[in-house]
Amino acid sequence: MNKTSGILDSLYLRHPELKEAEIKISKAYEILLKGCLNEGKILVCGNGGSASDSEHIVGELMKGFRLKRNLSDDEKKRFLLLKEEGVILAEKLQQGIPAISLNSQTSVITAIGNDTSYDMIFAQQLYVCGHSGDVLIAMSTSGNSKNVVNAAMTAKVLGIPVIGITGRVPGKLGDICDLCLMLPADETYLVQELTLPVYHALCAMLEVQLFG
């Protein structure tokens, strides 16, 4: 049994309706893992509840989620050269997966929205911060959120793989993404209720593979 199979088994036991998305969830994990192994970042965006999910995903990636992510012995030695302060840093710092929520930068978002267009708030950030090796997670329950679609199109131009998370009907996002996770629900809040266990599983799988 590989390191991640138990996480998926638990996911489908708790949410059997997600079993129909099993192949795509596994493929999403593979895309994210490849980006991590290529020293890329995970960029995330969405509106409303999906904006909160964007922040939540980054929180699980940038520090310990289910496992302790201690520094390597070599890294600890470098911090210990700082004496007492270094001991504290070496003990409390954790390894992480570089990730950015494109919902986080309030000043940038409002500047773009005011000076250009609200539809460009994610695309502009992605154009500046996105690089080869990165992965974009684009969340839109309808699949038609213009600012999310624009970010996905920009990512495609830059050669950045896009994982979309939508409801049962993927909308425009489904035509752009490298992989679209169409969750088996139609109402916005029901799609969001399924989104959380999916990204928790993906984050847990990345963690156990990279730090377990």
Foldseek 3Di string as FASTA:
>chain_A
DDPQPVLVVVLCVVPVLCVVLVVLLVVVLVLQLQLQVVVAEEEEEDDDLSLVVLVVLQVCFAAPNPDFAADDPVVLVVLCVVPPVSNVCNVPDGHGGHYDYLSPDVVQCVCCCVVPNNLQSQLVVCLVPPAPSYAYEQEDQQLVRSNSLNNLVSCVVRVHAYEYEYAQHNPPNVVRHPGYRHRDDRDPVVSSVSVVSSSVSSSVSSCSVVRD
